[in-house]
Amino acid sequence: MRTRALGIIAGKEFWDHVRSRRVHIILAIFLVIAVVGLIDGAVNYQEQIDRYNENLAQTDDEMMHAIFWWKPSILSAFNRMSDLIATVGIVLGCAMGFDLISREKESKSLKMLLSHPIYRDEVINGKALGGTAAIAAAMAIVLLVSFAILLIFGVVPNFDEGARILIFGVISFLLVFSYFAIALFMSTVAESSSNALIYTLIIFIVLSVLVPAVATNQTVQKAVIGEAPEPPDPPETVGGPTGSFNVMVRPMPIEISGEVEEAWKEYEEASQAYWEKRRAFIDTVNLLSPSKNYQEMTLAVTEPGYAASMLSDDPYSFDRPEDLPQSGLEILAAIIGELAHYIIALIVMPAVFFGLAWVKFAREDIR
């Protein structure tokens, strides 16, 4: 009985979203911009392939390995799409969730619904499942249209590229679902849909704008991890007080006294430790922002060069990293391992907000 009631509510919510004019408009904008972006990306990809083939024909094997080891990929077009999803997709998630509960409070239909032999958890779970299914359907449509455009342009993704595109779709779904869960929570807390929308926009601004700004703010960084280490006093300079020039002997690795050498060695170690702490602080704070997590993950999935630098011990080398896995699936598995903390954060965020919405709805006095 409980399963049947849950399915009925979820199905009703799904079809409400499917028939919603508001969702239709946002999804239409989503698709139009995605189509335009992919067409532009496909054209650019063809130009890159032509240049790559010309360079390949004019370059010997050794130079080819050093400079052109990474072949252009159609995935770069999906990297451009990530900017679209980080804006329009978030709007879609917020629009689908901000009035799920508040709308029924205002119309008094929620009180009538709960007067039937139905549990509150079935109501909130059904609404969440229906919205989740609608988001999944929207992302599936976007991916299907994307594949169709690629085939029209004669671009057939290989297995590795197809797997990356599917992962891109899953990550995009998680981002949209994160803001859907936030909007659902605000709809549960607010007394009206207008207030729920305002609260959702505030949280959106905080997570997408303020959190990254705090992470990179130097004042906040100094307050948390302290000041950067100061370099030691420079060695003796050439020329003296009245000389015509004043050139420091350090930091070039030349013969200097042992004390000065030791001081500079300690400074380099302290400086490296400080920058590692600063990087860790920025990454930790940015984990609170679904948008930043999404950007990092999509960049790694859709830009093979960035993924290679992330996996390599020498990210600044132009050669193909010798420590890089050889097969596409091995590289993809290694990338997912490197992105595990971002994936976990993008799952935990909607889970937390849905849990808060569930608790609030279960304890709320419906009048």
Protein backbone atom coordinates (compact mmCIF):
# COMPACT_ATOMS: atom_id res chain seq x y z
CA MET A 1 0.00 0.00 0.00
CA ARG A 2 2.80 2.40 0.95
CA THR A 3 4.70 1.56 -2.24
CA ARG A 4 1.59 2.09 -4.35
CA ALA A 5 0.86 5.48 -2.77
CA LEU A 6 4.50 6.52 -3.25
CA GLY A 7 4.37 5.51 -6.93
CA ILE A 8 1.14 7.42 -7.50
CA ILE A 9 2.52 10.63 -5.98
CA ALA A 10 5.84 10.28 -7.83
CA GLY A 11 4.05 9.66 -11.13
CA LYS A 12 1.75 12.64 -10.64
CA GLU A 13 4.69 14.93 -9.85
CA PHE A 14 6.63 13.64 -12.85
CA TRP A 15 3.79 14.35 -15.27
CA ASP A 16 3.15 17.72 -13.64
CA HIS A 17 6.76 18.64 -14.42
CA VAL A 18 6.52 17.21 -17.93
CA ARG A 19 3.40 19.27 -18.65
CA SER A 20 4.66 22.40 -16.90
CA ARG A 21 4.97 25.38 -19.25
CA ARG A 22 7.66 26.84 -17.02
CA VAL A 23 9.78 23.71 -17.35
CA HIS A 24 9.10 23.61 -21.11
CA ILE A 25 10.44 27.15 -21.56
CA ILE A 26 13.59 26.57 -19.52
CA LEU A 27 14.26 23.21 -21.19
CA ALA A 28 13.71 24.75 -24.64
CA ILE A 29 16.26 27.48 -23.87
CA PHE A 30 18.54 24.77 -22.53
CA LEU A 31 18.31 22.73 -25.72
CA VAL A 32 18.67 25.69 -28.09
CA ILE A 33 21.85 26.91 -26.42
CA ALA A 34 23.18 23.34 -26.17
CA VAL A 35 22.55 22.75 -29.87
CA VAL A 36 24.25 26.02 -30.84
CA GLY A 37 27.20 25.25 -28.56
CA LEU A 38 27.62 21.75 -29.92
CA ILE A 39 27.41 22.88 -33.54
CA ASP A 40 30.08 25.48 -32.87
CA GLY A 41 32.14 22.87 -31.03
CA ALA A 42 31.79 20.35 -33.86
CA VAL A 43 32.92 22.92 -36.44
CA ASN A 44 35.87 23.90 -34.24
CA TYR A 45 36.73 20.22 -33.74
CA GLN A 46 36.87 19.64 -37.49
CA GLU A 47 39.23 22.61 -37.86
CA GLN A 48 41.45 21.27 -35.06
CA ILE A 49 41.55 17.82 -36.67
CA ASP A 50 42.58 19.35 -40.01
CA ARG A 51 45.42 21.30 -38.35
CA TYR A 52 46.44 18.24 -36.37
CA ASN A 53 46.66 16.12 -39.54
CA GLU A 54 48.71 18.82 -41.28
CA ASN A 55 51.15 18.97 -38.36
CA LEU A 56 51.28 15.18 -38.25
CA ALA A 57 52.26 15.02 -41.91
CA GLN A 58 55.00 17.65 -41.53
CA THR A 59 56.54 16.50 -38.23
CA ASP A 60 58.79 13.55 -37.49
CA ASP A 61 57.79 10.95 -34.93
CA GLU A 62 60.03 12.26 -32.14
CA MET A 63 58.79 15.84 -32.41
CA MET A 64 55.24 14.56 -32.76
CA HIS A 65 55.58 12.76 -29.44
CA ALA A 66 56.90 15.88 -27.76
CA ILE A 67 54.47 18.49 -29.06
CA PHE A 68 51.36 16.93 -30.58
CA TRP A 69 50.89 13.87 -28.42
CA TRP A 70 47.32 14.76 -27.46
CA LYS A 71 44.89 14.48 -30.32
CA PRO A 72 41.95 16.96 -30.51
CA SER A 73 38.72 15.59 -29.08
CA ILE A 74 35.04 16.38 -29.57
CA LEU A 75 34.83 16.43 -25.77
CA SER A 76 35.95 20.06 -25.86
CA ALA A 77 32.47 20.94 -27.16
CA PHE A 78 30.95 19.40 -24.03
CA ASN A 79 33.32 21.43 -21.90
CA ARG A 80 31.74 24.52 -23.43
CA MET A 81 28.31 23.08 -22.59
CA SER A 82 29.31 22.88 -18.92
CA ASP A 83 29.12 26.67 -18.62
CA LEU A 84 25.57 26.51 -19.95
CA ILE A 85 24.52 23.80 -17.52
CA ALA A 86 26.12 25.67 -14.63
CA THR A 87 23.64 28.49 -15.29
CA VAL A 88 20.53 27.35 -17.15
CA GLY A 89 20.63 23.87 -15.59
CA ILE A 90 20.70 25.34 -12.09
CA VAL A 91 17.76 27.57 -12.97
CA LEU A 92 15.91 24.46 -14.19
CA GLY A 93 16.52 22.66 -10.89
CA CYS A 94 15.43 25.65 -8.82
CA ALA A 95 12.32 26.20 -10.95
CA MET A 96 11.25 22.58 -10.52
CA GLY A 97 11.58 22.53 -6.74
CA PHE A 98 10.86 25.93 -5.20
CA ASP A 99 7.05 25.55 -5.06
CA LEU A 100 6.53 21.80 -4.70
CA ILE A 101 5.37 22.10 -1.07
CA SER A 102 4.67 25.83 -0.69
CA ARG A 103 2.24 25.84 -3.62
CA GLU A 104 0.12 23.18 -1.98
CA LYS A 105 0.27 25.01 1.34
CA GLU A 106 -1.10 28.13 -0.30
CA SER A 107 -3.89 26.25 -2.09
CA LYS A 108 -4.74 24.19 1.04
CA SER A 109 -4.52 21.05 -1.09
CA LEU A 110 -1.76 19.67 1.12
CA LYS A 111 -4.08 19.56 4.11
CA MET A 112 -6.69 17.73 2.03
CA LEU A 113 -4.07 15.29 0.76
CA LEU A 114 -2.89 14.45 4.28
CA SER A 115 -6.48 13.90 5.41
CA HIS A 116 -6.42 10.70 3.34
CA PRO A 117 -4.78 7.49 4.63
CA ILE A 118 -1.35 8.51 3.42
CA TYR A 119 1.90 9.04 5.28
CA ARG A 120 3.87 12.25 5.17
CA ASP A 121 7.07 10.52 4.15
CA GLU A 122 5.25 9.17 1.09
CA VAL A 123 4.32 12.72 0.10
CA ILE A 124 7.80 14.21 0.40
CA ASN A 125 9.50 11.11 -1.05
CA GLY A 126 7.05 10.98 -3.95
CA LYS A 127 7.59 14.63 -4.79
CA ALA A 128 11.36 14.16 -4.68
CA LEU A 129 11.24 11.03 -6.84
CA GLY A 130 8.97 12.68 -9.41
CA GLY A 131 11.24 15.70 -9.66
CA THR A 132 14.34 13.52 -9.86
CA ALA A 133 12.83 11.47 -12.68
CA ALA A 134 11.91 14.67 -14.57
CA ILE A 135 15.48 16.00 -14.22
CA ALA A 136 16.88 12.67 -15.41
CA ALA A 137 14.54 12.77 -18.42
CA ALA A 138 15.64 16.33 -19.24
CA MET A 139 19.33 15.39 -19.10
CA ALA A 140 18.66 12.27 -21.21
CA ILE A 141 17.01 14.45 -23.87
CA VAL A 142 20.00 16.80 -23.88
CA LEU A 143 22.45 13.90 -24.28
CA LEU A 144 20.39 12.26 -27.04
CA VAL A 145 20.21 15.53 -28.96
CA SER A 146 23.94 15.97 -28.46
CA PHE A 147 24.73 12.53 -29.88
CA ALA A 148 22.39 13.21 -32.81
CA ILE A 149 24.21 16.47 -33.64
CA LEU A 150 27.59 14.72 -33.52
CA LEU A 151 26.36 12.03 -35.91
CA ILE A 152 24.96 14.68 -38.27
CA PHE A 153 28.43 16.24 -38.47
CA GLY A 154 29.97 12.84 -39.07
CA VAL A 155 31.65 12.70 -35.66
CA VAL A 156 31.37 9.23 -34.11
CA PRO A 157 32.70 9.19 -30.53
CA ASN A 158 34.84 6.19 -29.69
CA PHE A 159 34.16 4.08 -26.61
CA ASP A 160 36.30 6.25 -24.32
CA GLU A 161 34.69 9.47 -25.53
CA GLY A 162 31.21 7.97 -25.25
CA ALA A 163 31.92 6.91 -21.66
CA ARG A 164 33.16 10.40 -20.84
CA ILE A 165 30.06 11.98 -22.36
CA LEU A 166 27.83 9.72 -20.25
CA ILE A 167 29.82 10.62 -17.13
CA PHE A 168 29.43 14.27 -18.11
CA GLY A 169 25.66 13.71 -18.21
CA VAL A 170 25.66 12.04 -14.77
CA ILE A 171 27.69 14.89 -13.26
CA SER A 172 25.35 17.43 -14.85
CA PHE A 173 22.36 15.58 -13.41
CA LEU A 174 23.92 15.72 -9.93
CA LEU A 175 24.42 19.47 -10.23
CA VAL A 176 20.83 20.15 -11.28
CA PHE A 177 19.54 17.73 -8.64
CA SER A 178 21.59 19.52 -5.96
CA TYR A 179 19.76 22.79 -6.56
CA PHE A 180 16.45 20.95 -6.91
CA ALA A 181 16.99 19.54 -3.41
CA ILE A 182 17.88 23.00 -2.10
CA ALA A 183 14.74 24.46 -3.67
CA LEU A 184 12.63 21.61 -2.24
CA PHE A 185 13.95 22.35 1.25
CA MET A 186 13.19 26.05 0.87
CA SER A 187 9.70 25.18 -0.37
CA THR A 188 9.21 23.15 2.80
CA VAL A 189 10.48 25.90 5.09
CA ALA A 190 8.77 28.90 3.46
CA GLU A 191 5.13 29.78 3.89
CA SER A 192 4.74 30.99 0.31
CA SER A 193 6.24 30.18 -3.07
CA SER A 194 7.61 33.71 -3.49
CA ASN A 195 9.54 33.43 -0.22
CA ALA A 196 10.76 29.97 -1.20
CA LEU A 197 12.09 31.36 -4.50
CA ILE A 198 13.86 34.22 -2.70
CA TYR A 199 15.44 31.83 -0.18
CA THR A 200 16.56 29.53 -3.00
CA LEU A 201 18.18 32.41 -4.90
CA ILE A 202 19.98 33.51 -1.72
CA ILE A 203 21.40 30.03 -1.19
CA PHE A 204 22.34 29.88 -4.87
CA ILE A 205 24.29 33.15 -4.59
CA VAL A 206 25.98 32.04 -1.38
CA LEU A 207 27.09 28.67 -2.73
CA SER A 208 27.97 29.75 -6.28
CA VAL A 209 29.45 33.22 -5.66
CA LEU A 210 30.29 33.89 -2.02
CA VAL A 211 31.85 30.52 -1.16
CA PRO A 212 34.41 30.66 -4.03
CA ALA A 213 35.08 34.31 -3.19
CA VAL A 214 35.79 33.41 0.45
CA ALA A 215 38.05 30.56 -0.63
CA THR A 216 40.29 32.91 -2.66
CA ASN A 217 40.13 35.91 -0.32
CA GLN A 218 43.65 36.64 0.95
CA THR A 219 42.43 38.15 4.23
CA VAL A 220 40.48 35.00 5.06
CA GLN A 221 43.41 32.82 4.03
CA LYS A 222 45.78 34.73 6.29
CA ALA A 223 43.33 34.46 9.20
CA VAL A 224 43.06 30.68 8.76
CA ILE A 225 46.51 29.52 7.66
CA GLY A 226 48.65 32.52 8.68
CA GLU A 227 51.08 34.70 6.79
CA ALA A 228 53.31 33.42 4.04
CA PRO A 229 56.87 32.76 5.23
CA GLU A 230 59.29 35.63 4.74
CA PRO A 231 62.47 34.99 2.73
CA PRO A 232 65.75 35.23 4.65
CA ASP A 233 67.93 38.31 4.42
CA PRO A 234 69.73 38.44 1.07
CA PRO A 235 73.45 37.70 0.96
CA GLU A 236 76.09 40.34 0.39
CA THR A 237 75.45 42.44 -2.70
CA VAL A 238 77.90 43.36 -5.39
CA GLY A 239 79.15 46.94 -5.48
CA GLY A 240 78.57 48.07 -1.88
CA PRO A 241 76.78 51.22 -0.69
CA THR A 242 78.39 53.47 -3.25
CA GLY A 243 78.59 51.02 -6.10
CA SER A 244 76.95 51.60 -9.47
CA PHE A 245 74.81 48.46 -9.27
CA ASN A 246 73.33 46.26 -6.61
CA VAL A 247 72.78 42.66 -7.74
CA MET A 248 71.73 39.93 -5.28
CA VAL A 249 73.73 36.75 -5.39
CA ARG A 250 70.76 34.60 -4.26
CA PRO A 251 68.44 32.86 -5.23
CA MET A 252 70.55 31.43 -8.07
CA PRO A 253 72.28 28.18 -6.98
CA ILE A 254 75.85 29.52 -6.57
CA GLU A 255 78.52 29.07 -3.94
CA ILE A 256 77.38 30.82 -0.74
CA SER A 257 77.97 30.30 2.94
CA GLY A 258 76.48 27.27 4.65
CA GLU A 259 74.29 29.35 6.97
CA VAL A 260 72.73 31.26 4.10
CA GLU A 261 72.20 28.06 2.13
CA GLU A 262 70.49 26.44 5.11
CA ALA A 263 68.28 29.49 5.65
CA TRP A 264 67.13 29.44 2.05
CA LYS A 265 66.51 25.71 2.19
CA GLU A 266 64.28 26.14 5.25
CA TYR A 267 62.47 29.01 3.54
CA GLU A 268 61.79 26.92 0.44
CA GLU A 269 60.42 24.07 2.55
CA ALA A 270 58.24 26.42 4.61
CA SER A 271 57.05 28.19 1.46
CA GLN A 272 56.11 24.90 -0.19
CA ALA A 273 54.23 23.78 2.94
CA TYR A 274 52.39 27.12 3.06
CA TRP A 275 51.23 26.91 -0.55
CA GLU A 276 50.10 23.32 -0.03
CA LYS A 277 48.04 24.48 2.98
CA ARG A 278 46.62 27.33 0.93
CA ARG A 279 45.66 24.97 -1.91
CA ALA A 280 44.07 22.56 0.58
CA PHE A 281 42.11 25.43 2.19
CA ILE A 282 40.78 26.60 -1.18
CA ASP A 283 39.81 23.06 -2.23
CA THR A 284 38.11 22.36 1.11
CA VAL A 285 36.03 25.55 1.07
CA ASN A 286 35.09 25.06 -2.58
CA LEU A 287 33.69 21.64 -1.74
CA LEU A 288 30.72 23.55 -0.28
CA SER A 289 29.94 24.93 -3.74
CA PRO A 290 28.22 22.45 -6.11
CA SER A 291 29.04 24.75 -9.03
CA LYS A 292 32.79 24.67 -8.31
CA ASN A 293 32.74 20.90 -7.83
CA TYR A 294 30.93 20.58 -11.15
CA GLN A 295 33.40 22.81 -12.98
CA GLU A 296 36.39 20.86 -11.69
CA MET A 297 34.86 17.52 -12.63
CA THR A 298 33.67 18.50 -16.09
CA LEU A 299 37.04 20.04 -16.90
CA ALA A 300 38.81 16.81 -15.96
CA VAL A 301 36.31 14.62 -17.86
CA THR A 302 36.08 16.69 -21.05
CA GLU A 303 39.63 18.04 -21.39
CA PRO A 304 42.11 15.17 -21.89
CA GLY A 305 45.10 17.52 -21.54
CA TYR A 306 43.92 18.80 -18.16
CA ALA A 307 43.24 15.24 -17.01
CA ALA A 308 46.75 14.20 -18.05
CA SER A 309 48.34 17.07 -16.13
CA MET A 310 46.22 16.15 -13.10
CA LEU A 311 47.41 12.54 -13.20
CA SER A 312 51.04 13.26 -14.07
CA ASP A 313 53.85 13.86 -11.61
CA ASP A 314 55.06 16.65 -13.91
CA PRO A 315 51.96 18.67 -14.91
CA TYR A 316 54.01 21.28 -16.81
CA SER A 317 55.65 18.90 -19.27
CA PHE A 318 54.69 19.01 -22.95
CA ASP A 319 55.63 15.37 -23.42
CA ARG A 320 53.15 12.60 -22.89
CA PRO A 321 53.58 11.66 -19.22
CA GLU A 322 55.28 8.28 -18.91
CA ASP A 323 53.34 7.60 -15.70
CA LEU A 324 50.01 8.15 -17.48
CA PRO A 325 47.92 4.97 -17.96
CA GLN A 326 47.90 3.80 -21.56
CA SER A 327 44.28 2.80 -22.20
CA GLY A 328 41.37 5.23 -22.19
CA LEU A 329 39.46 3.23 -19.58
CA GLU A 330 42.47 3.17 -17.26
CA ILE A 331 42.82 6.95 -17.60
CA LEU A 332 39.11 7.39 -16.96
CA ALA A 333 39.25 5.19 -13.86
CA ALA A 334 42.25 7.15 -12.57
CA ILE A 335 40.41 10.44 -13.19
CA ILE A 336 37.36 9.24 -11.26
CA GLY A 337 39.65 8.29 -8.39
CA GLU A 338 41.18 11.76 -8.38
CA LEU A 339 37.71 13.34 -8.46
CA ALA A 340 36.26 11.14 -5.70
CA HIS A 341 36.04 13.96 -3.15
CA TYR A 342 34.21 16.20 -5.62
CA ILE A 343 31.76 13.40 -6.46
CA ILE A 344 31.12 12.71 -2.78
CA ALA A 345 30.55 16.42 -2.11
CA LEU A 346 28.10 16.67 -5.02
CA ILE A 347 26.16 13.70 -3.61
CA VAL A 348 26.27 14.77 0.03
CA MET A 349 24.97 18.30 -0.65
CA PRO A 350 21.54 17.30 -2.06
CA ALA A 351 21.29 14.45 0.46
CA VAL A 352 21.71 16.92 3.34
CA PHE A 353 19.12 19.35 2.01
CA PHE A 354 16.65 16.58 1.22
CA GLY A 355 17.16 15.16 4.70
CA LEU A 356 16.44 18.57 6.21
CA ALA A 357 13.34 18.93 4.01
CA TRP A 358 12.16 15.46 5.06
CA VAL A 359 12.56 16.21 8.78
CA LYS A 360 10.92 19.63 8.48
CA PHE A 361 7.95 18.28 6.53
CA ALA A 362 7.46 15.33 8.89
CA ARG A 363 7.28 17.64 11.92
CA GLU A 364 5.43 20.56 10.37
CA ASP A 365 2.00 21.56 11.57
CA ILE A 366 -0.08 21.68 8.38
CA ARG A 367 -3.00 24.09 8.73
